[in-house]
All heavy atoms as atom14 arrays in JSON, in Angstrom:
{
  "sequence": "DGACGYIYPLSPTTIGLGAFWIAAGSPCDQTITDFALS",
  "atom14_mask": [
    [1, 1, 1, 1, 1, 1, 1, 1, 0, 0, 0, 0, 0, 0],
    [1, 1, 1, 1, 0, 0, 0, 0, 0, 0, 0, 0, 0, 0],
    [1, 1, 1, 1, 1, 0, 0, 0, 0, 0, 0, 0, 0, 0],
    [1, 1, 1, 1, 1, 1, 0, 0, 0, 0, 0, 0, 0, 0],
    [1, 1, 1, 1, 0, 0, 0, 0, 0, 0, 0, 0, 0, 0],
    [1, 1, 1, 1, 1, 1, 1, 1, 1, 1, 1, 1, 0, 0],
    [1, 1, 1, 1, 1, 1, 1, 1, 0, 0, 0, 0, 0, 0],
    [1, 1, 1, 1, 1, 1, 1, 1, 1, 1, 1, 1, 0, 0],
    [1, 1, 1, 1, 1, 1, 1, 0, 0, 0, 0, 0, 0, 0],
    [1, 1, 1, 1, 1, 1, 1, 1, 0, 0, 0, 0, 0, 0],
    [1, 1, 1, 1, 1, 1, 0, 0, 0, 0, 0, 0, 0, 0],
    [1, 1, 1, 1, 1, 1, 1, 0, 0, 0, 0, 0, 0, 0],
    [1, 1, 1, 1, 1, 1, 1, 0, 0, 0, 0, 0, 0, 0],
    [1, 1, 1, 1, 1, 1, 1, 0, 0, 0, 0, 0, 0, 0],
    [1, 1, 1, 1, 1, 1, 1, 1, 0, 0, 0, 0, 0, 0],
    [1, 1, 1, 1, 0, 0, 0, 0, 0, 0, 0, 0, 0, 0],
    [1, 1, 1, 1, 1, 1, 1, 1, 0, 0, 0, 0, 0, 0],
    [1, 1, 1, 1, 0, 0, 0, 0, 0, 0, 0, 0, 0, 0],
    [1, 1, 1, 1, 1, 0, 0, 0, 0, 0, 0, 0, 0, 0],
    [1, 1, 1, 1, 1, 1, 1, 1, 1, 1, 1, 0, 0, 0],
    [1, 1, 1, 1, 1, 1, 1, 1, 1, 1, 1, 1, 1, 1],
    [1, 1, 1, 1, 1, 1, 1, 1, 0, 0, 0, 0, 0, 0],
    [1, 1, 1, 1, 1, 0, 0, 0, 0, 0, 0, 0, 0, 0],
    [1, 1, 1, 1, 1, 0, 0, 0, 0, 0, 0, 0, 0, 0],
    [1, 1, 1, 1, 0, 0, 0, 0, 0, 0, 0, 0, 0, 0],
    [1, 1, 1, 1, 1, 1, 0, 0, 0, 0, 0, 0, 0, 0],
    [1, 1, 1, 1, 1, 1, 1, 0, 0, 0, 0, 0, 0, 0],
    [1, 1, 1, 1, 1, 1, 0, 0, 0, 0, 0, 0, 0, 0],
    [1, 1, 1, 1, 1, 1, 1, 1, 0, 0, 0, 0, 0, 0],
    [1, 1, 1, 1, 1, 1, 1, 1, 1, 0, 0, 0, 0, 0],
    [1, 1, 1, 1, 1, 1, 1, 0, 0, 0, 0, 0, 0, 0],
    [1, 1, 1, 1, 1, 1, 1, 1, 0, 0, 0, 0, 0, 0],
    [1, 1, 1, 1, 1, 1, 1, 0, 0, 0, 0, 0, 0, 0],
    [1, 1, 1, 1, 1, 1, 1, 1, 0, 0, 0, 0, 0, 0],
    [1, 1, 1, 1, 1, 1, 1, 1, 1, 1, 1, 0, 0, 0],
    [1, 1, 1, 1, 1, 0, 0, 0, 0, 0, 0, 0, 0, 0],
    [1, 1, 1, 1, 1, 1, 1, 1, 0, 0, 0, 0, 0, 0],
    [1, 1, 1, 1, 1, 1, 0, 0, 0, 0, 0, 0, 0, 0]
  ],
  "atom14_positions": [
    [[68.71, 89.94, 86.63], [67.71, 89.67, 87.64], [67.02, 90.95, 88.12], [65.82, 90.97, 88.35], [68.35, 88.94, 88.82], [67.37, 88.53, 89.89], [66.53, 89.36, 90.27], [67.44, 87.39, 90.35], [0.0, 0.0, 0.0], [0.0, 0.0, 0.0], [0.0, 0.0, 0.0], [0.0, 0.0, 0.0], [0.0, 0.0, 0.0], [0.0, 0.0, 0.0]],
    [[67.77, 92.0, 88.31], [67.18, 93.24, 88.82], [67.36, 93.37, 90.31], [67.74, 94.41, 90.81], [0.0, 0.0, 0.0], [0.0, 0.0, 0.0], [0.0, 0.0, 0.0], [0.0, 0.0, 0.0], [0.0, 0.0, 0.0], [0.0, 0.0, 0.0], [0.0, 0.0, 0.0], [0.0, 0.0, 0.0], [0.0, 0.0, 0.0], [0.0, 0.0, 0.0]],
    [[67.1, 92.32, 91.05], [67.28, 92.36, 92.5], [68.71, 91.97, 92.86], [69.35, 92.61, 93.68], [66.3, 91.41, 93.17], [0.0, 0.0, 0.0], [0.0, 0.0, 0.0], [0.0, 0.0, 0.0], [0.0, 0.0, 0.0], [0.0, 0.0, 0.0], [0.0, 0.0, 0.0], [0.0, 0.0, 0.0], [0.0, 0.0, 0.0], [0.0, 0.0, 0.0]],
    [[69.2, 90.92, 92.24], [70.51, 90.44, 92.64], [71.04, 89.42, 91.65], [70.65, 88.26, 91.67], [70.42, 89.82, 94.04], [72.01, 89.54, 94.79], [0.0, 0.0, 0.0], [0.0, 0.0, 0.0], [0.0, 0.0, 0.0], [0.0, 0.0, 0.0], [0.0, 0.0, 0.0], [0.0, 0.0, 0.0], [0.0, 0.0, 0.0], [0.0, 0.0, 0.0]],
    [[71.9, 89.86, 90.73], [72.59, 88.92, 89.87], [72.13, 88.9, 88.43], [71.2, 89.57, 88.03], [0.0, 0.0, 0.0], [0.0, 0.0, 0.0], [0.0, 0.0, 0.0], [0.0, 0.0, 0.0], [0.0, 0.0, 0.0], [0.0, 0.0, 0.0], [0.0, 0.0, 0.0], [0.0, 0.0, 0.0], [0.0, 0.0, 0.0], [0.0, 0.0, 0.0]],
    [[72.85, 88.06, 87.65], [72.54, 87.9, 86.24], [73.17, 86.61, 85.73], [74.02, 86.01, 86.37], [73.04, 89.09, 85.41], [74.55, 89.2, 85.31], [75.24, 88.57, 84.28], [75.28, 89.93, 86.23], [76.62, 88.65, 84.17], [76.65, 90.03, 86.13], [77.31, 89.39, 85.11], [78.68, 89.48, 85.01], [0.0, 0.0, 0.0], [0.0, 0.0, 0.0]],
    [[72.73, 86.18, 84.55], [73.32, 85.08, 83.79], [73.59, 85.62, 82.4], [72.73, 86.28, 81.8], [72.35, 83.88, 83.7], [72.07, 83.31, 85.08], [72.91, 82.81, 82.76], [70.98, 82.24, 85.09], [0.0, 0.0, 0.0], [0.0, 0.0, 0.0], [0.0, 0.0, 0.0], [0.0, 0.0, 0.0], [0.0, 0.0, 0.0], [0.0, 0.0, 0.0]],
    [[74.79, 85.36, 81.87], [75.17, 85.91, 80.58], [76.04, 84.9, 79.82], [77.22, 84.8, 80.07], [75.91, 87.22, 80.8], [76.38, 87.95, 79.55], [75.63, 87.98, 78.39], [77.58, 88.63, 79.55], [76.06, 88.66, 77.26], [78.02, 89.33, 78.43], [77.26, 89.33, 77.29], [77.68, 90.01, 76.19], [0.0, 0.0, 0.0], [0.0, 0.0, 0.0]],
    [[75.45, 84.11, 78.88], [76.27, 83.22, 78.06], [76.94, 84.01, 76.93], [76.31, 84.87, 76.32], [75.24, 82.23, 77.5], [73.97, 83.01, 77.44], [74.03, 84.0, 78.58], [0.0, 0.0, 0.0], [0.0, 0.0, 0.0], [0.0, 0.0, 0.0], [0.0, 0.0, 0.0], [0.0, 0.0, 0.0], [0.0, 0.0, 0.0], [0.0, 0.0, 0.0]],
    [[78.22, 83.74, 76.69], [78.89, 84.45, 75.61], [79.99, 83.62, 75.01], [80.44, 82.63, 75.58], [79.44, 85.81, 76.09], [80.62, 85.8, 77.02], [81.48, 87.03, 76.74], [80.16, 85.89, 78.47], [0.0, 0.0, 0.0], [0.0, 0.0, 0.0], [0.0, 0.0, 0.0], [0.0, 0.0, 0.0], [0.0, 0.0, 0.0], [0.0, 0.0, 0.0]],
    [[80.42, 84.02, 73.84], [81.56, 83.46, 73.12], [81.4, 81.97, 72.8], [82.22, 81.15, 73.18], [82.83, 83.71, 73.96], [83.98, 83.63, 73.18], [0.0, 0.0, 0.0], [0.0, 0.0, 0.0], [0.0, 0.0, 0.0], [0.0, 0.0, 0.0], [0.0, 0.0, 0.0], [0.0, 0.0, 0.0], [0.0, 0.0, 0.0], [0.0, 0.0, 0.0]],
    [[80.33, 81.57, 72.08], [80.12, 80.15, 71.81], [81.06, 79.57, 70.76], [81.45, 80.26, 69.82], [78.67, 80.11, 71.3], [78.49, 81.43, 70.62], [79.3, 82.41, 71.46], [0.0, 0.0, 0.0], [0.0, 0.0, 0.0], [0.0, 0.0, 0.0], [0.0, 0.0, 0.0], [0.0, 0.0, 0.0], [0.0, 0.0, 0.0], [0.0, 0.0, 0.0]],
    [[81.42, 78.32, 70.96], [82.14, 77.52, 69.98], [81.33, 76.25, 69.78], [81.01, 75.55, 70.75], [83.56, 77.14, 70.47], [84.31, 78.33, 70.71], [84.29, 76.27, 69.45], [0.0, 0.0, 0.0], [0.0, 0.0, 0.0], [0.0, 0.0, 0.0], [0.0, 0.0, 0.0], [0.0, 0.0, 0.0], [0.0, 0.0, 0.0], [0.0, 0.0, 0.0]],
    [[80.98, 75.92, 68.55], [80.2, 74.72, 68.27], [81.04, 73.48, 68.49], [82.15, 73.38, 68.0], [79.66, 74.76, 66.82], [78.94, 75.98, 66.64], [78.75, 73.58, 66.54], [0.0, 0.0, 0.0], [0.0, 0.0, 0.0], [0.0, 0.0, 0.0], [0.0, 0.0, 0.0], [0.0, 0.0, 0.0], [0.0, 0.0, 0.0], [0.0, 0.0, 0.0]],
    [[80.49, 72.53, 69.26], [81.13, 71.25, 69.55], [80.12, 70.15, 69.23], [79.12, 70.0, 69.96], [81.54, 71.13, 71.05], [82.43, 72.3, 71.47], [82.17, 69.78, 71.34], [83.78, 72.34, 70.79], [0.0, 0.0, 0.0], [0.0, 0.0, 0.0], [0.0, 0.0, 0.0], [0.0, 0.0, 0.0], [0.0, 0.0, 0.0], [0.0, 0.0, 0.0]],
    [[80.32, 69.4, 68.16], [79.36, 68.36, 67.78], [77.99, 68.97, 67.54], [77.82, 69.85, 66.71], [0.0, 0.0, 0.0], [0.0, 0.0, 0.0], [0.0, 0.0, 0.0], [0.0, 0.0, 0.0], [0.0, 0.0, 0.0], [0.0, 0.0, 0.0], [0.0, 0.0, 0.0], [0.0, 0.0, 0.0], [0.0, 0.0, 0.0], [0.0, 0.0, 0.0]],
    [[77.0, 68.51, 68.32], [75.64, 69.08, 68.26], [75.38, 69.95, 69.49], [74.25, 70.17, 69.89], [74.6, 67.98, 68.16], [74.64, 67.17, 66.86], [73.65, 66.01, 66.91], [74.37, 68.07, 65.66], [0.0, 0.0, 0.0], [0.0, 0.0, 0.0], [0.0, 0.0, 0.0], [0.0, 0.0, 0.0], [0.0, 0.0, 0.0], [0.0, 0.0, 0.0]],
    [[76.45, 70.43, 70.12], [76.35, 71.27, 71.3], [77.31, 72.45, 71.18], [77.68, 72.85, 70.08], [0.0, 0.0, 0.0], [0.0, 0.0, 0.0], [0.0, 0.0, 0.0], [0.0, 0.0, 0.0], [0.0, 0.0, 0.0], [0.0, 0.0, 0.0], [0.0, 0.0, 0.0], [0.0, 0.0, 0.0], [0.0, 0.0, 0.0], [0.0, 0.0, 0.0]],
    [[77.72, 72.97, 72.34], [78.59, 74.14, 72.32], [79.45, 74.22, 73.57], [79.13, 73.65, 74.61], [77.77, 75.42, 72.2], [0.0, 0.0, 0.0], [0.0, 0.0, 0.0], [0.0, 0.0, 0.0], [0.0, 0.0, 0.0], [0.0, 0.0, 0.0], [0.0, 0.0, 0.0], [0.0, 0.0, 0.0], [0.0, 0.0, 0.0], [0.0, 0.0, 0.0]],
    [[80.55, 74.93, 73.43], [81.4, 75.39, 74.53], [81.19, 76.89, 74.6], [81.05, 77.55, 73.57], [82.87, 75.07, 74.18], [83.87, 75.86, 74.98], [84.29, 75.42, 76.22], [84.37, 77.06, 74.48], [85.19, 76.16, 76.95], [85.28, 77.8, 75.2], [85.7, 77.35, 76.45], [0.0, 0.0, 0.0], [0.0, 0.0, 0.0], [0.0, 0.0, 0.0]],
    [[81.15, 77.47, 75.82], [80.95, 78.91, 75.96], [81.44, 79.38, 77.32], [81.75, 78.6, 78.19], [79.5, 79.3, 75.73], [78.53, 78.91, 76.81], [78.08, 79.69, 77.85], [77.85, 77.66, 76.97], [77.18, 79.0, 78.62], [77.02, 77.75, 78.1], [77.87, 76.46, 76.24], [76.22, 76.7, 78.54], [77.08, 75.41, 76.69], [76.26, 75.54, 77.81]],
    [[81.48, 80.7, 77.46], [81.73, 81.31, 78.77], [80.38, 81.48, 79.43], [79.49, 82.14, 78.89], [82.44, 82.67, 78.65], [83.82, 82.51, 78.02], [82.56, 83.33, 80.02], [84.52, 83.82, 77.71], [0.0, 0.0, 0.0], [0.0, 0.0, 0.0], [0.0, 0.0, 0.0], [0.0, 0.0, 0.0], [0.0, 0.0, 0.0], [0.0, 0.0, 0.0]],
    [[80.23, 80.86, 80.59], [79.01, 80.98, 81.38], [79.29, 82.03, 82.45], [79.78, 81.72, 83.52], [78.62, 79.64, 81.99], [0.0, 0.0, 0.0], [0.0, 0.0, 0.0], [0.0, 0.0, 0.0], [0.0, 0.0, 0.0], [0.0, 0.0, 0.0], [0.0, 0.0, 0.0], [0.0, 0.0, 0.0], [0.0, 0.0, 0.0], [0.0, 0.0, 0.0]],
    [[79.01, 83.27, 82.1], [79.26, 84.37, 83.04], [78.0, 84.64, 83.84], [76.89, 84.39, 83.39], [79.68, 85.62, 82.27], [0.0, 0.0, 0.0], [0.0, 0.0, 0.0], [0.0, 0.0, 0.0], [0.0, 0.0, 0.0], [0.0, 0.0, 0.0], [0.0, 0.0, 0.0], [0.0, 0.0, 0.0], [0.0, 0.0, 0.0], [0.0, 0.0, 0.0]],
    [[78.21, 85.15, 85.03], [77.07, 85.51, 85.85], [77.49, 86.07, 87.18], [78.68, 86.14, 87.5], [0.0, 0.0, 0.0], [0.0, 0.0, 0.0], [0.0, 0.0, 0.0], [0.0, 0.0, 0.0], [0.0, 0.0, 0.0], [0.0, 0.0, 0.0], [0.0, 0.0, 0.0], [0.0, 0.0, 0.0], [0.0, 0.0, 0.0], [0.0, 0.0, 0.0]],
    [[76.5, 86.44, 87.93], [76.73, 86.96, 89.25], [75.65, 86.4, 90.17], [74.47, 86.69, 89.97], [76.66, 88.48, 89.25], [76.73, 88.97, 90.57], [0.0, 0.0, 0.0], [0.0, 0.0, 0.0], [0.0, 0.0, 0.0], [0.0, 0.0, 0.0], [0.0, 0.0, 0.0], [0.0, 0.0, 0.0], [0.0, 0.0, 0.0], [0.0, 0.0, 0.0]],
    [[76.05, 85.58, 91.16], [75.05, 85.12, 92.12], [74.41, 86.3, 92.85], [73.25, 86.27, 93.17], [75.84, 84.24, 93.07], [77.03, 83.81, 92.28], [77.34, 84.96, 91.37], [0.0, 0.0, 0.0], [0.0, 0.0, 0.0], [0.0, 0.0, 0.0], [0.0, 0.0, 0.0], [0.0, 0.0, 0.0], [0.0, 0.0, 0.0], [0.0, 0.0, 0.0]],
    [[75.17, 87.36, 93.1], [74.61, 88.57, 93.66], [75.59, 89.73, 93.67], [75.26, 90.82, 93.26], [74.1, 88.33, 95.08], [73.05, 89.68, 95.66], [0.0, 0.0, 0.0], [0.0, 0.0, 0.0], [0.0, 0.0, 0.0], [0.0, 0.0, 0.0], [0.0, 0.0, 0.0], [0.0, 0.0, 0.0], [0.0, 0.0, 0.0], [0.0, 0.0, 0.0]],
    [[76.81, 89.52, 94.12], [77.68, 90.66, 94.35], [79.01, 90.65, 93.61], [79.76, 91.59, 93.68], [77.94, 90.81, 95.85], [78.61, 89.57, 96.43], [78.74, 88.56, 95.72], [79.01, 89.61, 97.6], [0.0, 0.0, 0.0], [0.0, 0.0, 0.0], [0.0, 0.0, 0.0], [0.0, 0.0, 0.0], [0.0, 0.0, 0.0], [0.0, 0.0, 0.0]],
    [[79.33, 89.59, 92.89], [80.62, 89.51, 92.21], [80.47, 88.72, 90.91], [79.91, 87.63, 90.9], [81.67, 88.85, 93.1], [83.07, 88.83, 92.52], [83.67, 90.23, 92.4], [83.46, 91.08, 93.22], [84.42, 90.46, 91.34], [0.0, 0.0, 0.0], [0.0, 0.0, 0.0], [0.0, 0.0, 0.0], [0.0, 0.0, 0.0], [0.0, 0.0, 0.0]],
    [[81.02, 89.24, 89.82], [80.98, 88.54, 88.55], [81.87, 87.31, 88.6], [82.99, 87.35, 89.1], [81.43, 89.47, 87.42], [80.46, 90.5, 87.26], [81.58, 88.73, 86.11], [0.0, 0.0, 0.0], [0.0, 0.0, 0.0], [0.0, 0.0, 0.0], [0.0, 0.0, 0.0], [0.0, 0.0, 0.0], [0.0, 0.0, 0.0], [0.0, 0.0, 0.0]],
    [[81.36, 86.21, 88.06], [82.07, 84.94, 87.96], [82.02, 84.51, 86.51], [80.98, 84.65, 85.85], [81.43, 83.85, 88.84], [81.46, 84.26, 90.31], [82.09, 82.5, 88.63], [80.59, 83.39, 91.2], [0.0, 0.0, 0.0], [0.0, 0.0, 0.0], [0.0, 0.0, 0.0], [0.0, 0.0, 0.0], [0.0, 0.0, 0.0], [0.0, 0.0, 0.0]],
    [[83.14, 84.0, 85.98], [83.1, 83.42, 84.64], [83.59, 81.98, 84.73], [84.66, 81.72, 85.27], [83.95, 84.22, 83.63], [85.28, 84.34, 84.11], [83.38, 85.6, 83.39], [0.0, 0.0, 0.0], [0.0, 0.0, 0.0], [0.0, 0.0, 0.0], [0.0, 0.0, 0.0], [0.0, 0.0, 0.0], [0.0, 0.0, 0.0], [0.0, 0.0, 0.0]],
    [[82.78, 81.08, 84.24], [83.11, 79.67, 84.14], [83.14, 79.3, 82.66], [82.54, 79.98, 81.84], [82.05, 78.8, 84.83], [82.02, 78.95, 86.34], [83.02, 79.4, 86.91], [80.97, 78.63, 86.93], [0.0, 0.0, 0.0], [0.0, 0.0, 0.0], [0.0, 0.0, 0.0], [0.0, 0.0, 0.0], [0.0, 0.0, 0.0], [0.0, 0.0, 0.0]],
    [[83.82, 78.2, 82.35], [83.72, 77.63, 81.02], [82.67, 76.54, 81.09], [82.62, 75.77, 82.05], [85.06, 77.05, 80.55], [86.13, 78.09, 80.41], [87.31, 78.0, 81.12], [85.97, 79.17, 79.56], [88.3, 78.95, 81.0], [86.96, 80.13, 79.42], [88.13, 80.02, 80.15], [0.0, 0.0, 0.0], [0.0, 0.0, 0.0], [0.0, 0.0, 0.0]],
    [[81.82, 76.44, 80.08], [80.76, 75.45, 80.05], [80.8, 74.7, 78.73], [81.19, 75.26, 77.7], [79.4, 76.14, 80.22], [0.0, 0.0, 0.0], [0.0, 0.0, 0.0], [0.0, 0.0, 0.0], [0.0, 0.0, 0.0], [0.0, 0.0, 0.0], [0.0, 0.0, 0.0], [0.0, 0.0, 0.0], [0.0, 0.0, 0.0], [0.0, 0.0, 0.0]],
    [[80.41, 73.43, 78.77], [80.35, 72.61, 77.57], [79.14, 71.7, 77.7], [78.98, 71.02, 78.72], [81.63, 71.79, 77.43], [81.8, 71.09, 76.08], [83.27, 71.0, 75.75], [81.17, 69.73, 76.06], [0.0, 0.0, 0.0], [0.0, 0.0, 0.0], [0.0, 0.0, 0.0], [0.0, 0.0, 0.0], [0.0, 0.0, 0.0], [0.0, 0.0, 0.0]],
    [[78.29, 71.7, 76.69], [77.13, 70.83, 76.69], [76.92, 70.27, 75.3], [76.8, 71.02, 74.33], [75.88, 71.6, 77.13], [74.78, 70.71, 77.24], [0.0, 0.0, 0.0], [0.0, 0.0, 0.0], [0.0, 0.0, 0.0], [0.0, 0.0, 0.0], [0.0, 0.0, 0.0], [0.0, 0.0, 0.0], [0.0, 0.0, 0.0], [0.0, 0.0, 0.0]]
  ]
}
């Protein structure tokens, strides 16, 4: 973002016609990592 935060998808695994991945990011002051599946 530059002002506050970021979004960083990483480590994809293909699932059907979608993927599982680590949805990393920072709303502003602390890194958070979630698991995502779509």
